[in-house]
């Protein structure tokens, strides 16, 4: 259970994300917790894939604002 708690702590979004904001989501199923590999938006009470606009068919248990990616270039 430590892994689930650790992952959930990394997704610190409380309540609903601001309208129109693409976010990273943490999902859970019978196999455990996992982050979806695409950004999502919360629209009219439902999660959807930001790019495709299709509903997310998973149980979302947390969200966060996307983290900055380092390019590795100095």
PDB file of N, CA and C in Angstrom:
ATOM      1  N   UNK A   1       0.816  -1.196   0.000  1.00  0.00           N
ATOM      2  CA  UNK A   1       0.000   0.000   0.000  1.00  0.00           C
ATOM      3  C   UNK A   1       0.858   1.256   0.000  1.00  0.00           C
ATOM      4  N   UNK A   2       2.120   1.133   0.371  1.00  0.00           N
ATOM      5  CA  UNK A   2       3.001   2.304   0.410  1.00  0.00           C
ATOM      6  C   UNK A   2       3.138   2.929  -0.966  1.00  0.00           C
ATOM      7  N   UNK A   3       3.198   2.111  -2.013  1.00  0.00           N
ATOM      8  CA  UNK A   3       3.325   2.646  -3.362  1.00  0.00           C
ATOM      9  C   UNK A   3       2.102   3.465  -3.734  1.00  0.00           C
ATOM     10  N   UNK A   4       0.914   2.977  -3.432  1.00  0.00           N
ATOM     11  CA  UNK A   4      -0.316   3.710  -3.732  1.00  0.00           C
ATOM     12  C   UNK A   4      -0.321   5.041  -3.000  1.00  0.00           C
ATOM     13  N   UNK A   5      -0.009   5.019  -1.713  1.00  0.00           N
ATOM     14  CA  UNK A   5      -0.003   6.247  -0.920  1.00  0.00           C
ATOM     15  C   UNK A   5       1.033   7.237  -1.438  1.00  0.00           C
ATOM     16  N   UNK A   6       2.206   6.741  -1.825  1.00  0.00           N
ATOM     17  CA  UNK A   6       3.250   7.614  -2.358  1.00  0.00           C
ATOM     18  C   UNK A   6       2.803   8.254  -3.665  1.00  0.00           C
ATOM     19  N   UNK A   7       2.241   7.450  -4.559  1.00  0.00           N
ATOM     20  CA  UNK A   7       1.769   7.984  -5.838  1.00  0.00           C
ATOM     21  C   UNK A   7       0.642   8.987  -5.631  1.00  0.00           C
ATOM     22  N   UNK A   8      -0.283   8.662  -4.762  1.00  0.00           N
ATOM     23  CA  UNK A   8      -1.406   9.560  -4.503  1.00  0.00           C
ATOM     24  C   UNK A   8      -0.916  10.891  -3.938  1.00  0.00           C
ATOM     25  N   UNK A   9       0.117  10.856  -3.106  1.00  0.00           N
ATOM     26  CA  UNK A   9       0.672  12.086  -2.538  1.00  0.00           C
ATOM     27  C   UNK A   9       1.282  12.982  -3.622  1.00  0.00           C
ATOM     28  N   UNK A  10       1.744  12.395  -4.707  1.00  0.00           N
ATOM     29  CA  UNK A  10       2.321  13.163  -5.813  1.00  0.00           C
ATOM     30  C   UNK A  10       1.250  13.865  -6.646  1.00  0.00           C
ATOM     31  N   UNK A  11       0.028  13.399  -6.569  1.00  0.00           N
ATOM     32  CA  UNK A  11      -1.090  13.992  -7.310  1.00  0.00           C
ATOM     33  C   UNK A  11      -1.919  14.786  -6.318  1.00  0.00           C
ATOM     34  N   UNK A  12      -1.489  16.014  -6.093  1.00  0.00           N
ATOM     35  CA  UNK A  12      -2.014  16.816  -4.996  1.00  0.00           C
ATOM     36  C   UNK A  12      -3.188  17.708  -5.349  1.00  0.00           C
ATOM     37  N   UNK A  13      -3.802  17.502  -6.505  1.00  0.00           N
ATOM     38  CA  UNK A  13      -4.954  18.319  -6.872  1.00  0.00           C
ATOM     39  C   UNK A  13      -6.116  18.053  -5.936  1.00  0.00           C
ATOM     40  N   UNK A  14      -6.723  19.112  -5.453  1.00  0.00           N
ATOM     41  CA  UNK A  14      -7.873  18.991  -4.558  1.00  0.00           C
ATOM     42  C   UNK A  14      -9.126  19.451  -5.292  1.00  0.00           C
ATOM     43  N   UNK A  15     -10.198  18.731  -5.106  1.00  0.00           N
ATOM     44  CA  UNK A  15     -11.442  19.102  -5.771  1.00  0.00           C
ATOM     45  C   UNK A  15     -11.316  18.927  -7.274  1.00  0.00           C
ATOM     46  N   UNK A  16     -11.972  19.813  -8.017  1.00  0.00           N
ATOM     47  CA  UNK A  16     -11.925  19.766  -9.471  1.00  0.00           C
ATOM     48  C   UNK A  16     -10.853  20.723  -9.975  1.00  0.00           C
ATOM     49  N   UNK A  17     -10.170  20.362 -11.059  1.00  0.00           N
ATOM     50  CA  UNK A  17      -9.186  21.288 -11.624  1.00  0.00           C
ATOM     51  C   UNK A  17      -9.895  22.490 -12.248  1.00  0.00           C
ATOM     52  N   UNK A  18      -9.176  23.594 -12.438  1.00  0.00           N
ATOM     53  CA  UNK A  18      -9.778  24.754 -13.083  1.00  0.00           C
ATOM     54  C   UNK A  18     -10.300  24.392 -14.476  1.00  0.00           C
ATOM     55  N   UNK A  19     -11.405  24.991 -14.899  1.00  0.00           N
ATOM     56  CA  UNK A  19     -11.963  24.691 -16.222  1.00  0.00           C
ATOM     57  C   UNK A  19     -10.943  24.948 -17.342  1.00  0.00           C
ATOM     58  N   UNK A  20     -10.877  24.019 -18.280  1.00  0.00           N
ATOM     59  CA  UNK A  20     -10.022  24.165 -19.437  1.00  0.00           C
ATOM     60  C   UNK A  20      -8.558  23.854 -19.218  1.00  0.00           C
ATOM     61  N   UNK A  21      -8.182  23.465 -18.010  1.00  0.00           N
ATOM     62  CA  UNK A  21      -6.773  23.185 -17.709  1.00  0.00           C
ATOM     63  C   UNK A  21      -6.456  21.712 -17.951  1.00  0.00           C
ATOM     64  N   UNK A  22      -5.529  21.409 -18.884  1.00  0.00           N
ATOM     65  CA  UNK A  22      -5.119  20.012 -19.057  1.00  0.00           C
ATOM     66  C   UNK A  22      -4.226  19.597 -17.883  1.00  0.00           C
ATOM     67  N   UNK A  23      -4.499  18.434 -17.322  1.00  0.00           N
ATOM     68  CA  UNK A  23      -3.769  17.950 -16.156  1.00  0.00           C
ATOM     69  C   UNK A  23      -3.354  16.496 -16.335  1.00  0.00           C
ATOM     70  N   UNK A  24      -2.430  16.058 -15.490  1.00  0.00           N
ATOM     71  CA  UNK A  24      -2.046  14.654 -15.417  1.00  0.00           C
ATOM     72  C   UNK A  24      -2.968  13.983 -14.406  1.00  0.00           C
ATOM     73  N   UNK A  25      -3.376  12.752 -14.689  1.00  0.00           N
ATOM     74  CA  UNK A  25      -4.273  12.058 -13.760  1.00  0.00           C
ATOM     75  C   UNK A  25      -3.691  10.725 -13.314  1.00  0.00           C
ATOM     76  N   UNK A  26      -4.048  10.362 -12.095  1.00  0.00           N
ATOM     77  CA  UNK A  26      -3.683   9.069 -11.524  1.00  0.00           C
ATOM     78  C   UNK A  26      -4.958   8.238 -11.461  1.00  0.00           C
ATOM     79  N   UNK A  27      -4.882   7.028 -11.991  1.00  0.00           N
ATOM     80  CA  UNK A  27      -6.044   6.138 -12.017  1.00  0.00           C
ATOM     81  C   UNK A  27      -5.768   4.891 -11.184  1.00  0.00           C
ATOM     82  N   UNK A  28      -6.850   4.177 -10.899  1.00  0.00           N
ATOM     83  CA  UNK A  28      -6.724   2.954 -10.106  1.00  0.00           C
ATOM     84  C   UNK A  28      -7.692   1.911 -10.632  1.00  0.00           C
ATOM     85  N   UNK A  29      -7.238   0.669 -10.678  1.00  0.00           N
ATOM     86  CA  UNK A  29      -8.106  -0.461 -10.991  1.00  0.00           C
ATOM     87  C   UNK A  29      -7.667  -1.663 -10.161  1.00  0.00           C
ATOM     88  N   UNK A  30      -8.157  -2.831 -10.505  1.00  0.00           N
ATOM     89  CA  UNK A  30      -7.849  -4.035  -9.727  1.00  0.00           C
ATOM     90  C   UNK A  30      -6.360  -4.389  -9.729  1.00  0.00           C
ATOM     91  N   UNK A  31      -5.604  -3.846 -10.692  1.00  0.00           N
ATOM     92  CA  UNK A  31      -4.171  -4.131 -10.772  1.00  0.00           C
ATOM     93  C   UNK A  31      -3.309  -3.151  -9.995  1.00  0.00           C
ATOM     94  N   UNK A  32      -3.865  -2.006  -9.642  1.00  0.00           N
ATOM     95  CA  UNK A  32      -3.091  -1.014  -8.904  1.00  0.00           C
ATOM     96  C   UNK A  32      -3.320   0.393  -9.418  1.00  0.00           C
ATOM     97  N   UNK A  33      -2.340   1.268  -9.174  1.00  0.00           N
ATOM     98  CA  UNK A  33      -2.446   2.659  -9.603  1.00  0.00           C
ATOM     99  C   UNK A  33      -1.511   2.903 -10.784  1.00  0.00           C
ATOM    100  N   UNK A  34      -1.907   3.837 -11.633  1.00  0.00           N
ATOM    101  CA  UNK A  34      -1.096   4.168 -12.795  1.00  0.00           C
ATOM    102  C   UNK A  34      -1.456   5.554 -13.296  1.00  0.00           C
ATOM    103  N   UNK A  35      -0.482   6.216 -13.916  1.00  0.00           N
ATOM    104  CA  UNK A  35      -0.703   7.527 -14.506  1.00  0.00           C
ATOM    105  C   UNK A  35      -1.031   7.334 -15.979  1.00  0.00           C
ATOM    106  N   UNK A  36      -2.049   8.020 -16.469  1.00  0.00           N
ATOM    107  CA  UNK A  36      -2.362   7.941 -17.888  1.00  0.00           C
ATOM    108  C   UNK A  36      -1.262   8.652 -18.673  1.00  0.00           C
ATOM    109  N   UNK A  37      -0.935   8.141 -19.868  1.00  0.00           N
ATOM    110  CA  UNK A  37       0.163   8.720 -20.648  1.00  0.00           C
ATOM    111  C   UNK A  37      -0.234   9.941 -21.476  1.00  0.00           C
ATOM    112  N   UNK A  38      -1.394  10.505 -21.193  1.00  0.00           N
ATOM    113  CA  UNK A  38      -1.862  11.680 -21.927  1.00  0.00           C
ATOM    114  C   UNK A  38      -2.541  12.639 -20.955  1.00  0.00           C
ATOM    115  N   UNK A  39      -2.585  13.908 -21.346  1.00  0.00           N
ATOM    116  CA  UNK A  39      -3.239  14.919 -20.516  1.00  0.00           C
ATOM    117  C   UNK A  39      -4.759  14.751 -20.586  1.00  0.00           C
ATOM    118  N   UNK A  40      -5.416  15.131 -19.504  1.00  0.00           N
ATOM    119  CA  UNK A  40      -6.869  15.034 -19.428  1.00  0.00           C
ATOM    120  C   UNK A  40      -7.451  16.375 -18.991  1.00  0.00           C
ATOM    121  N   UNK A  41      -8.730  16.554 -19.280  1.00  0.00           N
ATOM    122  CA  UNK A  41      -9.479  17.723 -18.800  1.00  0.00           C
ATOM    123  C   UNK A  41     -10.729  17.214 -18.098  1.00  0.00           C
ATOM    124  N   UNK A  42     -11.174  17.995 -17.123  1.00  0.00           N
ATOM    125  CA  UNK A  42     -12.405  17.680 -16.408  1.00  0.00           C
ATOM    126  C   UNK A  42     -13.494  18.569 -17.009  1.00  0.00           C
ATOM    127  N   UNK A  43     -14.424  17.962 -17.737  1.00  0.00           N
ATOM    128  CA  UNK A  43     -15.445  18.707 -18.465  1.00  0.00           C
ATOM    129  C   UNK A  43     -16.832  18.209 -18.057  1.00  0.00           C
ATOM    130  N   UNK A  44     -17.635  19.124 -17.547  1.00  0.00           N
ATOM    131  CA  UNK A  44     -19.019  18.818 -17.172  1.00  0.00           C
ATOM    132  C   UNK A  44     -19.123  17.562 -16.303  1.00  0.00           C
ATOM    133  N   UNK A  45     -18.239  17.471 -15.316  1.00  0.00           N
ATOM    134  CA  UNK A  45     -18.303  16.374 -14.356  1.00  0.00           C
ATOM    135  C   UNK A  45     -17.682  15.072 -14.798  1.00  0.00           C
ATOM    136  N   UNK A  46     -16.981  15.088 -15.942  1.00  0.00           N
ATOM    137  CA  UNK A  46     -16.357  13.857 -16.448  1.00  0.00           C
ATOM    138  C   UNK A  46     -14.946  14.132 -16.919  1.00  0.00           C
ATOM    139  N   UNK A  47     -14.085  13.133 -16.781  1.00  0.00           N
ATOM    140  CA  UNK A  47     -12.721  13.236 -17.280  1.00  0.00           C
ATOM    141  C   UNK A  47     -12.694  12.836 -18.741  1.00  0.00           C
ATOM    142  N   UNK A  48     -11.886  13.579 -19.535  1.00  0.00           N
ATOM    143  CA  UNK A  48     -11.729  13.207 -20.934  1.00  0.00           C
ATOM    144  C   UNK A  48     -10.295  13.426 -21.384  1.00  0.00           C
ATOM    145  N   UNK A  49      -9.900  12.671 -22.410  1.00  0.00           N
ATOM    146  CA  UNK A  49      -8.593  12.810 -23.023  1.00  0.00           C
ATOM    147  C   UNK A  49      -8.535  14.211 -23.621  1.00  0.00           C
ATOM    148  N   UNK A  50      -7.516  14.989 -23.271  1.00  0.00           N
ATOM    149  CA  UNK A  50      -7.423  16.369 -23.725  1.00  0.00           C
ATOM    150  C   UNK A  50      -7.323  16.473 -25.240  1.00  0.00           C
ATOM    151  N   UNK A  51      -6.504  15.659 -25.870  1.00  0.00           N
ATOM    152  CA  UNK A  51      -6.282  15.749 -27.311  1.00  0.00           C
ATOM    153  C   UNK A  51      -7.438  15.155 -28.117  1.00  0.00           C
ATOM    154  N   UNK A  52      -7.925  13.990 -27.703  1.00  0.00           N
ATOM    155  CA  UNK A  52      -8.948  13.284 -28.474  1.00  0.00           C
ATOM    156  C   UNK A  52     -10.379  13.668 -28.090  1.00  0.00           C
ATOM    157  N   UNK A  53     -10.549  14.193 -26.876  1.00  0.00           N
ATOM    158  CA  UNK A  53     -11.886  14.575 -26.428  1.00  0.00           C
ATOM    159  C   UNK A  53     -12.790  13.414 -26.059  1.00  0.00           C
ATOM    160  N   UNK A  54     -12.230  12.216 -25.951  1.00  0.00           N
ATOM    161  CA  UNK A  54     -13.033  11.045 -25.595  1.00  0.00           C
ATOM    162  C   UNK A  54     -13.002  10.832 -24.082  1.00  0.00           C
ATOM    163  N   UNK A  55     -14.087  10.274 -23.531  1.00  0.00           N
ATOM    164  CA  UNK A  55     -14.126  10.040 -22.080  1.00  0.00           C
ATOM    165  C   UNK A  55     -13.040   9.064 -21.619  1.00  0.00           C
ATOM    166  N   UNK A  56     -12.543   9.301 -20.415  1.00  0.00           N
ATOM    167  CA  UNK A  56     -11.594   8.393 -19.779  1.00  0.00           C
ATOM    168  C   UNK A  56     -12.410   7.290 -19.128  1.00  0.00           C
ATOM    169  N   UNK A  57     -12.117   6.057 -19.501  1.00  0.00           N
ATOM    170  CA  UNK A  57     -12.847   4.918 -18.947  1.00  0.00           C
ATOM    171  C   UNK A  57     -12.014   4.249 -17.866  1.00  0.00           C
ATOM    172  N   UNK A  58     -11.677   5.031 -16.860  1.00  0.00           N
ATOM    173  CA  UNK A  58     -10.881   4.550 -15.734  1.00  0.00           C
ATOM    174  C   UNK A  58     -11.318   5.347 -14.511  1.00  0.00           C
ATOM    175  N   UNK A  59     -11.004   4.835 -13.348  1.00  0.00           N
ATOM    176  CA  UNK A  59     -11.329   5.534 -12.113  1.00  0.00           C
ATOM    177  C   UNK A  59     -10.183   6.470 -11.762  1.00  0.00           C
ATOM    178  N   UNK A  60     -10.427   7.772 -11.894  1.00  0.00           N
ATOM    179  CA  UNK A  60      -9.422   8.780 -11.586  1.00  0.00           C
ATOM    180  C   UNK A  60      -9.451   9.038 -10.083  1.00  0.00           C
ATOM    181  N   UNK A  61      -8.290   8.894  -9.429  1.00  0.00           N
ATOM    182  CA  UNK A  61      -8.228   9.094  -7.971  1.00  0.00           C
ATOM    183  C   UNK A  61      -7.405  10.313  -7.581  1.00  0.00           C
ATOM    184  N   UNK A  62      -6.743  10.950  -8.564  1.00  0.00           N
ATOM    185  CA  UNK A  62      -5.960  12.140  -8.268  1.00  0.00           C
ATOM    186  C   UNK A  62      -5.572  12.864  -9.537  1.00  0.00           C
ATOM    187  N   UNK A  63      -5.242  14.142  -9.402  1.00  0.00           N
ATOM    188  CA  UNK A  63      -4.771  14.924 -10.543  1.00  0.00           C
ATOM    189  C   UNK A  63      -3.732  15.922 -10.073  1.00  0.00           C
ATOM    190  N   UNK A  64      -2.949  16.422 -11.040  1.00  0.00           N
ATOM    191  CA  UNK A  64      -1.960  17.460 -10.755  1.00  0.00           C
ATOM    192  C   UNK A  64      -1.710  18.256 -12.036  1.00  0.00           C
ATOM    193  N   UNK A  65      -1.207  19.464 -11.832  1.00  0.00           N
ATOM    194  CA  UNK A  65      -0.772  20.290 -12.955  1.00  0.00           C
ATOM    195  C   UNK A  65       0.464  19.621 -13.526  1.00  0.00           C
ATOM    196  N   UNK A  66       0.581  19.543 -14.858  1.00  0.00           N
ATOM    197  CA  UNK A  66       1.753  18.872 -15.443  1.00  0.00           C
ATOM    198  C   UNK A  66       3.069  19.444 -14.932  1.00  0.00           C
ATOM    199  N   UNK A  67       4.000  18.564 -14.699  1.00  0.00           N
ATOM    200  CA  UNK A  67       5.328  18.961 -14.237  1.00  0.00           C
ATOM    201  C   UNK A  67       6.149  19.442 -15.422  1.00  0.00           C
ATOM    202  N   UNK A  68       7.050  20.363 -15.134  1.00  0.00           N
ATOM    203  CA  UNK A  68       7.939  20.874 -16.190  1.00  0.00           C
ATOM    204  C   UNK A  68       8.896  19.762 -16.597  1.00  0.00           C
ATOM    205  N   UNK A  69       9.082  19.608 -17.900  1.00  0.00           N
ATOM    206  CA  UNK A  69      10.011  18.608 -18.409  1.00  0.00           C
ATOM    207  C   UNK A  69      11.335  19.295 -18.710  1.00  0.00           C
ATOM    208  N   UNK A  70      12.403  18.668 -18.268  1.00  0.00           N
ATOM    209  CA  UNK A  70      13.738  19.214 -18.500  1.00  0.00           C
ATOM    210  C   UNK A  70      14.240  18.756 -19.866  1.00  0.00           C
ATOM    211  N   UNK A  71      14.757  19.683 -20.637  1.00  0.00           N
ATOM    212  CA  UNK A  71      15.245  19.353 -21.973  1.00  0.00           C
ATOM    213  C   UNK A  71      16.656  18.769 -21.940  1.00  0.00           C
ATOM    214  N   UNK A  72      17.369  18.983 -20.842  1.00  0.00           N
ATOM    215  CA  UNK A  72      18.724  18.472 -20.740  1.00  0.00           C
ATOM    216  C   UNK A  72      19.737  19.369 -21.429  1.00  0.00           C
ATOM    217  N   UNK A  73      19.261  20.474 -21.975  1.00  0.00           N
ATOM    218  CA  UNK A  73      20.148  21.421 -22.662  1.00  0.00           C
ATOM    219  C   UNK A  73      20.496  22.530 -21.682  1.00  0.00           C
ATOM    220  N   UNK A  74      21.774  22.844 -21.571  1.00  0.00           N
ATOM    221  CA  UNK A  74      22.206  23.884 -20.641  1.00  0.00           C
ATOM    222  C   UNK A  74      22.180  25.246 -21.272  1.00  0.00           C
TER     223      UNK A  74
END
